[in-house]
Structure formats: C-alpha cells, structure tokens
C-alpha atoms as a PDB file:
ATOM      1  CA  MET A   1       7.057 -15.091  35.054  1.00  0.00           C
ATOM      2  CA  PRO A   2       5.644 -17.629  37.677  1.00  0.00           C
ATOM      3  CA  SER A   3       7.619 -20.812  38.259  1.00  0.00           C
ATOM      4  CA  THR A   4       6.599 -24.448  38.594  1.00  0.00           C
ATOM      5  CA  SER A   5       7.305 -24.835  42.300  1.00  0.00           C
ATOM      6  CA  SER A   6       5.024 -27.064  44.326  1.00  0.00           C
ATOM      7  CA  ALA A   7       5.065 -24.640  47.246  1.00  0.00           C
ATOM      8  CA  THR A   8       1.640 -23.928  48.694  1.00  0.00           C
ATOM      9  CA  TYR A   9       2.459 -20.478  50.067  1.00  0.00           C
ATOM     10  CA  THR A  10      -0.197 -17.911  49.187  1.00  0.00           C
ATOM     11  CA  ALA A  11       0.905 -14.378  48.455  1.00  0.00           C
ATOM     12  CA  PRO A  12      -0.523 -11.555  50.548  1.00  0.00           C
ATOM     13  CA  GLN A  13      -2.302  -8.827  48.680  1.00  0.00           C
ATOM     14  CA  THR A  14       0.505  -6.347  49.231  1.00  0.00           C
ATOM     15  CA  ALA A  15       4.218  -6.688  49.766  1.00  0.00           C
ATOM     16  CA  LYS A  16       6.984  -4.135  49.834  1.00  0.00           C
ATOM     17  CA  PRO A  17      10.008  -5.267  47.825  1.00  0.00           C
ATOM     18  CA  ALA A  18      13.418  -4.796  49.372  1.00  0.00           C
ATOM     19  CA  SER A  19      15.107  -1.856  47.718  1.00  0.00           C
ATOM     20  CA  SER A  20      18.376  -2.094  45.828  1.00  0.00           C
ATOM     21  CA  SER A  21      20.072   0.152  48.371  1.00  0.00           C
ATOM     22  CA  GLU A  22      19.059  -2.196  51.214  1.00  0.00           C
ATOM     23  CA  VAL A  23      20.397  -5.239  49.380  1.00  0.00           C
ATOM     24  CA  LEU A  24      23.647  -3.590  48.328  1.00  0.00           C
ATOM     25  CA  SER A  25      24.333  -2.064  51.735  1.00  0.00           C
ATOM     26  CA  ALA A  26      23.805  -5.432  53.402  1.00  0.00           C
ATOM     27  CA  HIS A  27      26.129  -7.165  50.930  1.00  0.00           C
ATOM     28  CA  PRO A  28      28.693  -4.626  49.676  1.00  0.00           C
ATOM     29  CA  VAL A  29      29.918  -4.849  46.103  1.00  0.00           C
ATOM     30  CA  LYS A  30      31.303  -2.279  43.734  1.00  0.00           C
ATOM     31  CA  ARG A  31      28.812   0.541  44.007  1.00  0.00           C
ATOM     32  CA  LEU A  32      26.185   0.617  41.299  1.00  0.00           C
ATOM     33  CA  PRO A  33      24.846   4.107  40.617  1.00  0.00           C
ATOM     34  CA  THR A  34      21.109   4.651  40.750  1.00  0.00           C
ATOM     35  CA  PRO A  35      19.729   5.244  37.243  1.00  0.00           C
ATOM     36  CA  GLN A  36      18.768   8.855  36.650  1.00  0.00           C
ATOM     37  CA  ARG A  37      15.395   9.643  35.109  1.00  0.00           C
ATOM     38  CA  SER A  38      15.220  11.745  31.974  1.00  0.00           C
ATOM     39  CA  PRO A  39      13.190  14.969  32.201  1.00  0.00           C
ATOM     40  CA  LYS A  40      11.824  14.381  28.715  1.00  0.00           C
ATOM     41  CA  LEU A  41       8.086  13.795  28.575  1.00  0.00           C
ATOM     42  CA  TRP A  42       8.368  10.623  26.486  1.00  0.00           C
ATOM     43  CA  ASP A  43      10.498   9.066  29.229  1.00  0.00           C
ATOM     44  CA  ARG A  44       8.594  10.501  32.169  1.00  0.00           C
ATOM     45  CA  TRP A  45       5.354   8.984  30.866  1.00  0.00           C
ATOM     46  CA  GLU A  46       7.157   5.956  29.380  1.00  0.00           C
ATOM     47  CA  LEU A  47       5.549   6.405  25.983  1.00  0.00           C
ATOM     48  CA  PRO A  48       7.640   3.597  24.401  1.00  0.00           C
ATOM     49  CA  THR A  49       5.675   1.206  26.616  1.00  0.00           C
ATOM     50  CA  VAL A  50       2.376   2.671  25.435  1.00  0.00           C
ATOM     51  CA  ALA A  51       3.476   2.385  21.802  1.00  0.00           C
ATOM     52  CA  LEU A  52       4.576  -1.193  22.373  1.00  0.00           C
ATOM     53  CA  ALA A  53       1.194  -2.044  23.893  1.00  0.00           C
ATOM     54  CA  ALA A  54      -0.597  -0.636  20.835  1.00  0.00           C
ATOM     55  CA  ILE A  55       1.625  -2.648  18.473  1.00  0.00           C
ATOM     56  CA  LEU A  56       1.171  -5.763  20.594  1.00  0.00           C
ATOM     57  CA  TYR A  57      -2.630  -5.684  20.534  1.00  0.00           C
ATOM     58  CA  ALA A  58      -2.652  -4.917  16.822  1.00  0.00           C
ATOM     59  CA  ALA A  59      -0.314  -7.861  16.157  1.00  0.00           C
ATOM     60  CA  TRP A  60      -2.471 -10.175  18.261  1.00  0.00           C
ATOM     61  CA  ALA A  61      -5.616  -9.136  16.368  1.00  0.00           C
ATOM     62  CA  ALA A  62      -3.898  -9.523  12.994  1.00  0.00           C
ATOM     63  CA  LEU A  63      -2.614 -13.003  13.802  1.00  0.00           C
ATOM     64  CA  ILE A  64      -6.082 -14.026  14.935  1.00  0.00           C
ATOM     65  CA  TRP A  65      -7.863 -12.536  11.924  1.00  0.00           C
ATOM     66  CA  TRP A  66      -5.537 -14.056   9.330  1.00  0.00           C
ATOM     67  CA  HIS A  67      -4.663 -17.220  11.238  1.00  0.00           C
ATOM     68  CA  ALA A  68      -5.944 -19.485   8.453  1.00  0.00           C
ATOM     69  CA  LEU A  69      -3.388 -18.024   6.038  1.00  0.00           C
ATOM     70  CA  ILE A  70      -0.401 -18.538   8.339  1.00  0.00           C
ATOM     71  CA  PRO A  71       1.426 -21.917   8.427  1.00  0.00           C
ATOM     72  CA  GLY A  72       0.932 -23.687  11.739  1.00  0.00           C
ATOM     73  CA  ALA A  73       4.599 -23.692  12.753  1.00  0.00           C
ATOM     74  CA  LEU A  74       4.915 -19.972  12.075  1.00  0.00           C
ATOM     75  CA  LEU A  75       1.673 -19.202  13.919  1.00  0.00           C
ATOM     76  CA  PHE A  76       2.980 -21.232  16.878  1.00  0.00           C
ATOM     77  CA  LEU A  77       6.106 -19.060  17.005  1.00  0.00           C
ATOM     78  CA  LEU A  78       4.415 -15.718  16.392  1.00  0.00           C
ATOM     79  CA  GLY A  79       1.411 -16.430  18.604  1.00  0.00           C
ATOM     80  CA  GLY A  80       3.619 -17.601  21.432  1.00  0.00           C
ATOM     81  CA  TYR A  81       5.831 -14.537  21.043  1.00  0.00           C
ATOM     82  CA  VAL A  82       2.859 -12.176  21.248  1.00  0.00           C
ATOM     83  CA  ALA A  83       1.376 -14.030  24.236  1.00  0.00           C
ATOM     84  CA  GLN A  84       4.636 -13.947  26.208  1.00  0.00           C
ATOM     85  CA  LEU A  85       5.270 -10.333  25.238  1.00  0.00           C
ATOM     86  CA  HIS A  86       1.903  -9.452  26.746  1.00  0.00           C
ATOM     87  CA  PHE A  87       2.901 -11.224  29.941  1.00  0.00           C
ATOM     88  CA  SER A  88       6.116  -9.184  29.909  1.00  0.00           C
ATOM     89  CA  LEU A  89       4.028  -6.046  29.489  1.00  0.00           C
ATOM     90  CA  GLN A  90       1.956  -7.007  32.534  1.00  0.00           C
ATOM     91  CA  HIS A  91       5.200  -7.461  34.447  1.00  0.00           C
ATOM     92  CA  GLU A  92       6.275  -3.984  33.348  1.00  0.00           C
ATOM     93  CA  SER A  93       3.036  -2.469  34.622  1.00  0.00           C
ATOM     94  CA  ILE A  94       3.656  -3.910  38.089  1.00  0.00           C
ATOM     95  CA  HIS A  95       7.024  -2.206  38.434  1.00  0.00           C
ATOM     96  CA  ALA A  96       7.386   0.733  36.094  1.00  0.00           C
ATOM     97  CA  MET A  97       5.144   3.526  34.752  1.00  0.00           C
ATOM     98  CA  ARG A  98       5.149   5.066  38.228  1.00  0.00           C
ATOM     99  CA  HIS A  99       3.827   8.420  37.010  1.00  0.00           C
ATOM    100  CA  TRP A 100       0.691   6.678  35.767  1.00  0.00           C
ATOM    101  CA  PRO A 101      -2.268   6.083  38.096  1.00  0.00           C
ATOM    102  CA  ALA A 102      -2.388   2.455  39.163  1.00  0.00           C
ATOM    103  CA  TRP A 103      -5.802   1.936  37.578  1.00  0.00           C
ATOM    104  CA  LEU A 104      -4.565   3.219  34.216  1.00  0.00           C
ATOM    105  CA  ARG A 105      -1.527   0.923  34.274  1.00  0.00           C
ATOM    106  CA  THR A 106      -3.901  -1.940  34.976  1.00  0.00           C
ATOM    107  CA  VAL A 107      -6.236  -1.009  32.136  1.00  0.00           C
ATOM    108  CA  LEU A 108      -3.327  -0.921  29.686  1.00  0.00           C
ATOM    109  CA  VAL A 109      -2.421  -4.565  30.315  1.00  0.00           C
ATOM    110  CA  TRP A 110      -5.716  -6.012  31.514  1.00  0.00           C
ATOM    111  CA  PRO A 111      -6.967  -7.885  28.393  1.00  0.00           C
ATOM    112  CA  PRO A 112      -6.340 -11.541  29.365  1.00  0.00           C
ATOM    113  CA  ILE A 113      -5.025 -12.811  26.060  1.00  0.00           C
ATOM    114  CA  ASN A 114      -3.103 -15.550  27.914  1.00  0.00           C
ATOM    115  CA  LEU A 115      -6.374 -16.713  29.537  1.00  0.00           C
ATOM    116  CA  TRP A 116      -4.920 -18.766  32.377  1.00  0.00           C
ATOM    117  CA  LEU A 117      -3.763 -16.299  35.091  1.00  0.00           C
ATOM    118  CA  PRO A 118      -5.830 -13.355  36.380  1.00  0.00           C
ATOM    119  CA  TYR A 119      -3.722 -10.210  36.501  1.00  0.00           C
ATOM    120  CA  PRO A 120      -4.497  -9.365  40.180  1.00  0.00           C
ATOM    121  CA  PHE A 121      -3.169 -12.763  41.275  1.00  0.00           C
ATOM    122  CA  TYR A 122       0.000 -12.266  39.274  1.00  0.00           C
ATOM    123  CA  HIS A 123       0.431  -8.750  40.663  1.00  0.00           C
ATOM    124  CA  ALA A 124       0.157  -9.895  44.282  1.00  0.00           C
ATOM    125  CA  SER A 125       2.339 -12.970  43.819  1.00  0.00           C
ATOM    126  CA  HIS A 126       5.069 -11.191  41.896  1.00  0.00           C
ATOM    127  CA  SER A 127       5.234  -8.333  44.392  1.00  0.00           C
ATOM    128  CA  THR A 128       5.937 -10.888  47.101  1.00  0.00           C
ATOM    129  CA  HIS A 129       8.668 -12.432  44.946  1.00  0.00           C
ATOM    130  CA  HIS A 130      10.533  -9.116  45.022  1.00  0.00           C
ATOM    131  CA  VAL A 131      11.320  -9.343  48.721  1.00  0.00           C
ATOM    132  CA  ASN A 132      14.947  -9.975  47.827  1.00  0.00           C
ATOM    133  CA  ALA A 133      15.965 -11.486  51.168  1.00  0.00           C
ATOM    134  CA  HIS A 134      13.502 -14.340  50.517  1.00  0.00           C
ATOM    135  CA  LEU A 135      14.595 -15.163  46.979  1.00  0.00           C
ATOM    136  CA  THR A 136      14.509 -18.939  46.311  1.00  0.00           C
ATOM    137  CA  HIS A 137      12.788 -19.686  49.653  1.00  0.00           C
ATOM    138  CA  PRO A 138      10.438 -22.632  48.944  1.00  0.00           C
ATOM    139  CA  GLN A 139       7.574 -21.122  50.959  1.00  0.00           C
ATOM    140  CA  ARG A 140       8.244 -17.390  51.012  1.00  0.00           C
ATOM    141  CA  ASP A 141       9.315 -16.822  47.417  1.00  0.00           C
ATOM    142  CA  THR A 142       6.194 -17.302  45.306  1.00  0.00           C
ATOM    143  CA  GLU A 143       8.297 -18.004  42.202  1.00  0.00           C
ATOM    144  CA  SER A 144      10.793 -20.420  43.713  1.00  0.00           C
ATOM    145  CA  ALA A 145      11.492 -23.672  41.867  1.00  0.00           C
ATOM    146  CA  TYR A 146      12.886 -25.237  45.054  1.00  0.00           C
ATOM    147  CA  HIS A 147      11.242 -27.524  47.601  1.00  0.00           C
ATOM    148  CA  GLY A 148      11.994 -27.616  51.303  1.00  0.00           C
ATOM    149  CA  PRO A 149      13.442 -30.920  52.624  1.00  0.00           C
ATOM    150  CA  ALA A 150      10.300 -31.776  54.603  1.00  0.00           C
ATOM    151  CA  GLN A 151       8.100 -30.831  51.679  1.00  0.00           C
ATOM    152  CA  TRP A 152      10.200 -32.997  49.390  1.00  0.00           C
ATOM    153  CA  GLN A 153       9.951 -36.002  51.676  1.00  0.00           C
ATOM    154  CA  ALA A 154       6.172 -35.641  51.717  1.00  0.00           C
ATOM    155  CA  LEU A 155       5.994 -36.011  47.937  1.00  0.00           C
ATOM    156  CA  SER A 156       5.297 -39.365  46.332  1.00  0.00           C
ATOM    157  CA  PRO A 157       8.104 -41.026  44.319  1.00  0.00           C
ATOM    158  CA  LEU A 158       6.231 -40.145  41.137  1.00  0.00           C
ATOM    159  CA  TRP A 159       6.085 -36.447  41.934  1.00  0.00           C
ATOM    160  CA  ARG A 160       9.749 -36.413  42.952  1.00  0.00           C
ATOM    161  CA  THR A 161      10.583 -37.918  39.572  1.00  0.00           C
ATOM    162  CA  ILE A 162       8.457 -35.314  37.802  1.00  0.00           C
ATOM    163  CA  TYR A 163      10.007 -32.374  39.629  1.00  0.00           C
ATOM    164  CA  ARG A 164      13.528 -33.684  39.072  1.00  0.00           C
ATOM    165  CA  ALA A 165      12.790 -34.116  35.379  1.00  0.00           C
ATOM    166  CA  ASN A 166      11.437 -30.572  35.330  1.00  0.00           C
ATOM    167  CA  GLN A 167      14.955 -29.309  36.062  1.00  0.00           C
ATOM    168  CA  VAL A 168      16.033 -30.296  32.521  1.00  0.00           C
ATOM    169  CA  LEU A 169      15.270 -27.718  29.844  1.00  0.00           C
ATOM    170  CA  PRO A 170      13.293 -29.815  27.294  1.00  0.00           C
ATOM    171  CA  VAL A 171      11.037 -31.109  30.061  1.00  0.00           C
ATOM    172  CA  ARG A 172      10.602 -27.638  31.553  1.00  0.00           C
ATOM    173  CA  LEU A 173       9.544 -26.238  28.191  1.00  0.00           C
ATOM    174  CA  THR A 174       7.036 -28.982  27.423  1.00  0.00           C
ATOM    175  CA  MET A 175       5.750 -30.073  30.822  1.00  0.00           C
ATOM    176  CA  GLY A 176       6.420 -26.869  32.772  1.00  0.00           C
ATOM    177  CA  PRO A 177       3.252 -25.111  31.556  1.00  0.00           C
ATOM    178  CA  LEU A 178       1.130 -28.065  32.692  1.00  0.00           C
ATOM    179  CA  LEU A 179       2.803 -28.094  36.109  1.00  0.00           C
ATOM    180  CA  ARG A 180       2.178 -24.375  36.425  1.00  0.00           C
ATOM    181  CA  LEU A 181      -1.508 -24.888  35.691  1.00  0.00           C
ATOM    182  CA  HIS A 182      -1.568 -27.767  38.177  1.00  0.00           C
ATOM    183  CA  LYS A 183      -0.158 -25.486  40.859  1.00  0.00           C
ATOM    184  CA  LEU A 184      -2.743 -22.794  40.128  1.00  0.00           C
ATOM    185  CA  LEU A 185      -5.655 -25.247  40.187  1.00  0.00           C
ATOM    186  CA  ARG A 186      -4.389 -26.831  43.390  1.00  0.00           C
ATOM    187  CA  THR A 187      -4.191 -23.418  45.049  1.00  0.00           C
ATOM    188  CA  GLU A 188      -7.716 -22.473  43.988  1.00  0.00           C
ATOM    189  CA  TRP A 189      -9.088 -25.831  45.113  1.00  0.00           C
ATOM    190  CA  ARG A 190      -7.471 -25.375  48.522  1.00  0.00           C
ATOM    191  CA  PHE A 191      -9.223 -22.027  48.946  1.00  0.00           C
ATOM    192  CA  MET A 192     -12.614 -23.418  47.947  1.00  0.00           C
ATOM    193  CA  ARG A 193     -12.247 -26.543  50.075  1.00  0.00           C
ATOM    194  CA  SER A 194     -11.602 -24.358  53.122  1.00  0.00           C
ATOM    195  CA  GLY A 195     -14.739 -22.332  52.387  1.00  0.00           C
ATOM    196  CA  ASP A 196     -12.822 -19.254  51.284  1.00  0.00           C
ATOM    197  CA  PHE A 197     -14.421 -17.834  48.138  1.00  0.00           C
ATOM    198  CA  SER A 198     -12.722 -14.424  48.344  1.00  0.00           C
ATOM    199  CA  ARG A 199     -10.940 -15.023  45.056  1.00  0.00           C
ATOM    200  CA  SER A 200     -14.137 -15.802  43.165  1.00  0.00           C
ATOM    201  CA  PRO A 201     -14.850 -12.161  42.158  1.00  0.00           C
ATOM    202  CA  VAL A 202     -11.397 -11.947  40.558  1.00  0.00           C
ATOM    203  CA  TRP A 203     -12.100 -15.076  38.553  1.00  0.00           C
ATOM    204  CA  ALA A 204     -15.526 -13.766  37.560  1.00  0.00           C
ATOM    205  CA  ILE A 205     -14.102 -10.474  36.269  1.00  0.00           C
ATOM    206  CA  HIS A 206     -11.265 -12.314  34.545  1.00  0.00           C
ATOM    207  CA  THR A 207     -13.720 -14.617  32.781  1.00  0.00           C
ATOM    208  CA  ALA A 208     -15.950 -11.737  31.738  1.00  0.00           C
ATOM    209  CA  SER A 209     -12.925  -9.918  30.353  1.00  0.00           C
ATOM    210  CA  ALA A 210     -11.860 -12.958  28.336  1.00  0.00           C
ATOM    211  CA  LEU A 211     -15.245 -13.434  26.672  1.00  0.00           C
ATOM    212  CA  PRO A 212     -14.929 -10.522  24.178  1.00  0.00           C
ATOM    213  CA  LEU A 213     -11.465 -11.721  23.181  1.00  0.00           C
ATOM    214  CA  LEU A 214     -12.711 -15.245  22.642  1.00  0.00           C
ATOM    215  CA  TYR A 215     -15.733 -13.950  20.725  1.00  0.00           C
ATOM    216  CA  PHE A 216     -13.397 -12.119  18.371  1.00  0.00           C
ATOM    217  CA  ALA A 217     -11.115 -15.143  17.952  1.00  0.00           C
ATOM    218  CA  LEU A 218     -13.616 -17.993  17.850  1.00  0.00           C
ATOM    219  CA  VAL A 219     -16.704 -16.390  16.324  1.00  0.00           C
ATOM    220  CA  LEU A 220     -15.615 -13.444  14.199  1.00  0.00           C
ATOM    221  CA  ALA A 221     -12.262 -14.869  13.057  1.00  0.00           C
ATOM    222  CA  GLY A 222     -13.383 -18.501  12.931  1.00  0.00           C
ATOM    223  CA  MET A 223     -10.554 -19.946  15.010  1.00  0.00           C
ATOM    224  CA  GLN A 224     -11.124 -23.211  16.863  1.00  0.00           C
ATOM    225  CA  TRP A 225     -10.766 -23.117  20.640  1.00  0.00           C
ATOM    226  CA  TRP A 226      -7.969 -25.684  20.568  1.00  0.00           C
ATOM    227  CA  GLU A 227      -6.116 -23.611  17.966  1.00  0.00           C
ATOM    228  CA  TYR A 228      -6.054 -20.631  20.285  1.00  0.00           C
ATOM    229  CA  LEU A 229      -4.677 -22.787  23.104  1.00  0.00           C
ATOM    230  CA  LEU A 230      -2.149 -24.459  20.813  1.00  0.00           C
ATOM    231  CA  TYR A 231      -0.925 -21.406  18.914  1.00  0.00           C
ATOM    232  CA  PHE A 232      -1.087 -18.707  21.608  1.00  0.00           C
ATOM    233  CA  VAL A 233      -1.541 -19.869  25.192  1.00  0.00           C
ATOM    234  CA  TYR A 234       0.731 -22.927  25.281  1.00  0.00           C
ATOM    235  CA  PRO A 235       3.725 -21.520  23.345  1.00  0.00           C
ATOM    236  CA  GLY A 236       3.446 -18.310  25.344  1.00  0.00           C
ATOM    237  CA  MET A 237       3.739 -20.328  28.545  1.00  0.00           C
ATOM    238  CA  MET A 238       6.659 -22.267  27.066  1.00  0.00           C
ATOM    239  CA  LEU A 239       8.564 -19.034  26.418  1.00  0.00           C
ATOM    240  CA  GLY A 240       7.801 -17.941  29.952  1.00  0.00           C
ATOM    241  CA  GLN A 241       9.271 -21.187  31.245  1.00  0.00           C
ATOM    242  CA  LEU A 242      12.423 -20.532  29.225  1.00  0.00           C
ATOM    243  CA  ARG A 243      12.952 -17.149  30.874  1.00  0.00           C
ATOM    244  CA  THR A 244      12.403 -18.404  34.415  1.00  0.00           C
ATOM    245  CA  PHE A 245      14.321 -21.673  33.910  1.00  0.00           C
ATOM    246  CA  THR A 246      17.549 -20.403  35.457  1.00  0.00           C
ATOM    247  CA  GLU A 247      16.539 -16.922  36.538  1.00  0.00           C
ATOM    248  CA  HIS A 248      17.247 -17.568  40.229  1.00  0.00           C
ATOM    249  CA  ARG A 249      19.359 -20.032  42.191  1.00  0.00           C
ATOM    250  CA  TRP A 250      20.438 -20.320  45.805  1.00  0.00           C
ATOM    251  CA  GLY A 251      23.329 -18.134  46.960  1.00  0.00           C
ATOM    252  CA  GLU A 252      24.458 -17.133  50.433  1.00  0.00           C
ATOM    253  CA  LYS A 253      23.795 -13.466  49.673  1.00  0.00           C
ATOM    254  CA  PRO A 254      20.530 -12.280  48.099  1.00  0.00           C
ATOM    255  CA  VAL A 255      22.412 -10.428  45.365  1.00  0.00           C
ATOM    256  CA  GLN A 256      24.016 -13.699  44.257  1.00  0.00           C
ATOM    257  CA  ARG A 257      20.651 -15.337  43.517  1.00  0.00           C
ATOM    258  CA  THR A 258      19.624 -13.488  40.362  1.00  0.00           C
ATOM    259  CA  ALA A 259      20.978 -14.153  36.886  1.00  0.00           C
ATOM    260  CA  ILE A 260      22.028 -12.123  33.888  1.00  0.00           C
ATOM    261  CA  VAL A 261      21.139 -13.792  30.577  1.00  0.00           C
ATOM    262  CA  GLU A 262      22.304 -11.852  27.550  1.00  0.00           C
ATOM    263  CA  SER A 263      20.235 -12.046  24.392  1.00  0.00           C
ATOM    264  CA  ASN A 264      19.747 -10.463  20.998  1.00  0.00           C
ATOM    265  CA  VAL A 265      17.068  -7.856  20.371  1.00  0.00           C
ATOM    266  CA  VAL A 266      14.438 -10.512  19.549  1.00  0.00           C
ATOM    267  CA  GLY A 267      14.844 -12.220  22.911  1.00  0.00           C
ATOM    268  CA  GLY A 268      15.401  -8.963  24.741  1.00  0.00           C
ATOM    269  CA  LEU A 269      12.196  -7.441  23.430  1.00  0.00           C
ATOM    270  CA  LEU A 270      10.271 -10.652  24.107  1.00  0.00           C
ATOM    271  CA  TYR A 271      11.097 -10.383  27.809  1.00  0.00           C
ATOM    272  CA  LEU A 272      11.338  -6.570  27.840  1.00  0.00           C
ATOM    273  CA  TYR A 273      14.950  -7.079  28.870  1.00  0.00           C
ATOM    274  CA  ASN A 274      13.916  -8.813  32.054  1.00  0.00           C
ATOM    275  CA  ASN A 275      16.474 -11.427  30.996  1.00  0.00           C
ATOM    276  CA  LEU A 276      19.004  -8.963  32.434  1.00  0.00           C
ATOM    277  CA  HIS A 277      17.313  -9.925  35.650  1.00  0.00           C
ATOM    278  CA  GLN A 278      19.905  -8.735  38.136  1.00  0.00           C
ATOM    279  CA  VAL A 279      19.471  -5.180  36.882  1.00  0.00           C
ATOM    280  CA  HIS A 280      15.723  -5.527  37.270  1.00  0.00           C
ATOM    281  CA  HIS A 281      15.962  -6.793  40.854  1.00  0.00           C
ATOM    282  CA  LEU A 282      18.360  -4.021  41.813  1.00  0.00           C
ATOM    283  CA  PHE A 283      16.276  -1.308  40.128  1.00  0.00           C
ATOM    284  CA  PRO A 284      12.737  -2.684  39.714  1.00  0.00           C
ATOM    285  CA  THR A 285      11.167   0.568  38.489  1.00  0.00           C
ATOM    286  CA  LEU A 286      13.707   1.099  35.696  1.00  0.00           C
ATOM    287  CA  PRO A 287      11.762   1.052  32.387  1.00  0.00           C
ATOM    288  CA  TRP A 288      12.437  -1.887  30.108  1.00  0.00           C
ATOM    289  CA  TYR A 289      13.938   0.213  27.307  1.00  0.00           C
ATOM    290  CA  ARG A 290      16.606   1.638  29.637  1.00  0.00           C
ATOM    291  CA  ILE A 291      17.759  -1.674  31.131  1.00  0.00           C
ATOM    292  CA  PRO A 292      20.129  -2.757  28.295  1.00  0.00           C
ATOM    293  CA  GLY A 293      21.858   0.642  28.246  1.00  0.00           C
ATOM    294  CA  TYR A 294      22.403   0.532  31.993  1.00  0.00           C
ATOM    295  CA  PHE A 295      23.810  -2.992  31.753  1.00  0.00           C
ATOM    296  CA  ARG A 296      26.207  -2.049  28.957  1.00  0.00           C
ATOM    297  CA  GLN A 297      27.432   0.962  30.920  1.00  0.00           C
ATOM    298  CA  HIS A 298      27.912  -0.922  34.201  1.00  0.00           C
ATOM    299  CA  ARG A 299      28.458  -4.457  32.963  1.00  0.00           C
ATOM    300  CA  GLU A 300      31.469  -5.281  35.147  1.00  0.00           C
ATOM    301  CA  ALA A 301      29.858  -4.007  38.339  1.00  0.00           C
ATOM    302  CA  VAL A 302      26.548  -5.775  37.644  1.00  0.00           C
ATOM    303  CA  LEU A 303      28.290  -9.109  37.060  1.00  0.00           C
ATOM    304  CA  GLN A 304      30.368  -8.556  40.179  1.00  0.00           C
ATOM    305  CA  SER A 305      27.222  -7.876  42.180  1.00  0.00           C
ATOM    306  CA  ASN A 306      25.724 -11.314  41.437  1.00  0.00           C
ATOM    307  CA  ASP A 307      29.043 -13.139  41.677  1.00  0.00           C
ATOM    308  CA  GLY A 308      29.161 -13.920  37.961  1.00  0.00           C
ATOM    309  CA  PHE A 309      25.760 -15.644  37.728  1.00  0.00           C
ATOM    310  CA  HIS A 310      25.719 -15.034  33.985  1.00  0.00           C
ATOM    311  CA  TYR A 311      24.921 -16.716  30.675  1.00  0.00           C
ATOM    312  CA  ARG A 312      26.022 -15.404  27.299  1.00  0.00           C
ATOM    313  CA  SER A 313      22.759 -16.443  25.616  1.00  0.00           C
ATOM    314  CA  TYR A 314      19.755 -18.730  25.825  1.00  0.00           C
ATOM    315  CA  ALA A 315      21.614 -20.986  23.414  1.00  0.00           C
ATOM    316  CA  GLU A 316      24.252 -21.486  26.097  1.00  0.00           C
ATOM    317  CA  ILE A 317      21.527 -22.395  28.589  1.00  0.00           C
ATOM    318  CA  ALA A 318      20.090 -24.907  26.136  1.00  0.00           C
ATOM    319  CA  GLN A 319      23.510 -26.421  25.507  1.00  0.00           C
ATOM    320  CA  ARG A 320      24.327 -26.752  29.202  1.00  0.00           C
ATOM    321  CA  PHE A 321      20.986 -28.006  30.457  1.00  0.00           C
ATOM    322  CA  TRP A 322      19.543 -29.998  27.572  1.00  0.00           C
ATOM    323  CA  ARG A 323      20.243 -33.183  29.525  1.00  0.00           C
ATOM    324  CA  LYS A 324      21.757 -31.903  32.768  1.00  0.00           C
ATOM    325  CA  PRO A 325      19.542 -30.576  35.624  1.00  0.00           C
ATOM    326  CA  VAL A 326      19.918 -26.866  36.241  1.00  0.00           C
ATOM    327  CA  PHE A 327      20.033 -27.486  40.013  1.00  0.00           C
ATOM    328  CA  ASP A 328      18.758 -29.929  42.625  1.00  0.00           C
ATOM    329  CA  PRO A 329      15.106 -29.114  43.391  1.00  0.00           C
ATOM    330  CA  VAL A 330      15.659 -29.633  47.146  1.00  0.00           C
ATOM    331  CA  HIS A 331      16.733 -26.346  48.674  1.00  0.00           C
ATOM    332  CA  PRO A 332      20.184 -26.565  50.295  1.00  0.00           C
ATOM    333  CA  ARG A 333      19.315 -24.213  53.146  1.00  0.00           C
ATOM    334  CA  TRP A 334      15.555 -23.837  53.733  1.00  0.00           C
END
C-alpha cells in the first residue's frame, strides 16, 4: 500500500523489479528455494483469487444495500475491511495471475471502490517500489516513509512536527490517510501547474468508473456520501496505513529492509498475506494463498534473509510503537 512520504519523485510508467535471485546473489544468505508452481488448473489460473474477488464484490454490495441495518461501529470495521481487501486484490493483480492477460487482470480489480487512487497510478508507482536496491530511498522508492536530509531541512517546522508525529502508530492510523491524500493532490497539482495534463485521461476514466458504484450506493441504496467516506474509504485507508507502518526500514543490504509481520487468518486474508512481506519481495509473483505455506516451510531461512526484521503480530507493533516512533523520518544514508 502507498506510504505517507513527502517525496516528490514521480514513478515512470514501467519499471522492472529486481529479481529475488539478483538480491540473494548480491547478499548471500541461506539459500531460499524458488517456489514450484502446481500443474493443477486451479493453481495455474489462480482460481482462489477469482473466487475471492467474487466474494469481495458481493460483500461490498451487501454492506451497501443493508447499511442502515448495521450498527455504525460494525459497518466501520466491515466496510474498512472490504475496502482494504480490494486494495490488496489490486496489489495481487500487479504481481501474480501471470497466466492471465494483463487486460483481464485489470478488469478483475478495476472497480474503484476506494475512490481515491486510480489503479494505473498505483500500478506504475508500486512497480517502481519493487526495485529492491532502492528500497527506502526518499526519492527513488515511491513508497518510502523517509525524507532526505536536504529535503527535511527544506520543510517548515510545522511539517517536520507532523512527519515526526506520523511515525507513531495512533497518529499514522488517524492522520496518515490525510497525509497520503495530501501527497497525491500535491503531485497532481505539480503536473497541472507545469502544463502537463497527460494524467487527465486516467482521472477521467477513473471518475467515470466510480459513478456507477456511487449511483448504486447513494441513489439505489440510499447511503449518504459522507457515510461512504466514513464507513468504507477512510477505514480502508487506515488499515492500509497499519500494514505499511513498519513494512520497510533502512538496512545496509536490500534484503534487510523488508519485514515479516505474522498475523492470524483475519489479518492475513485482509492483506492477502502481504504482511509476510519479505517473502513477497523475494518472490513477487507467488500467489497470496501460497505465501503462508512457503513461510512456514522456510521460516528460519526467511528470517535469516532479512536479519530478523520480524514482528510476532500487529498487536506487538501496537504495543511497541503506540508512543514510540517507529524510526527517524530522516534517512540515515540518502
């Protein structure tokens, strides 16, 4: 999921991620075997992902249709879960489902139920993030939460205070979504101010795609616009901020910069096991439903590969960083 960095780097339209073999050969650890694909049709075509998508859209529609019967606190939790799960599904379509045509993968996850980020922008930005040698770089990693020293000095005292506060979990959960929107709006304004309107067609298609969803929610189901933002968009972004909160940190070797966060099946499914993030960065095309099995089988070697950058649960993260910053927002190297 995108981070709240203030970096102004703009992702190119294509980027080739560094492969796991390149990373591991450059920084030797106990050899991790490449996952083997099953010859079974359900795995070859990743039908569990298709089934999950069908369940997801049905759950979203049901929550919208019967929203008036659901207590607000419960709708906040369920709506946020569905919204973040859809974002996780979009992430899956970027990396996995390689036997599917690219256009069909896009169609499967296109409906913009989260409203705020057009899928093509996320696709381009996240592909750039997977250049492993650049992980955490304030300008080159599009999902870095760090700032370069010069960039930090250019910030006003108020913004330095805000970004330091954003390194504490409660602030990241509540204010992080607003900072992420601020970053997106600032990027778009920079393009328009320079006379570059090349991104306008993406926004136009994104808006047109959102209109049927909003018609269903606001007209047919009678939901208020602020209810959709409050019960779906905002909590979905909050859950995204939780996953990315301590997903990456600076390490001398690229393989040391990516975390493993263990979770129960509820959290694992929410993030499609992308919480086991080191496995994902080593084997980006590995389908979500095969990640936990691979981690269980090679747990010791995976934790050795990232130098023990590991949390037992999100509860441990909350306990450790409820008041303490997760790291200094000024990058120690770049």
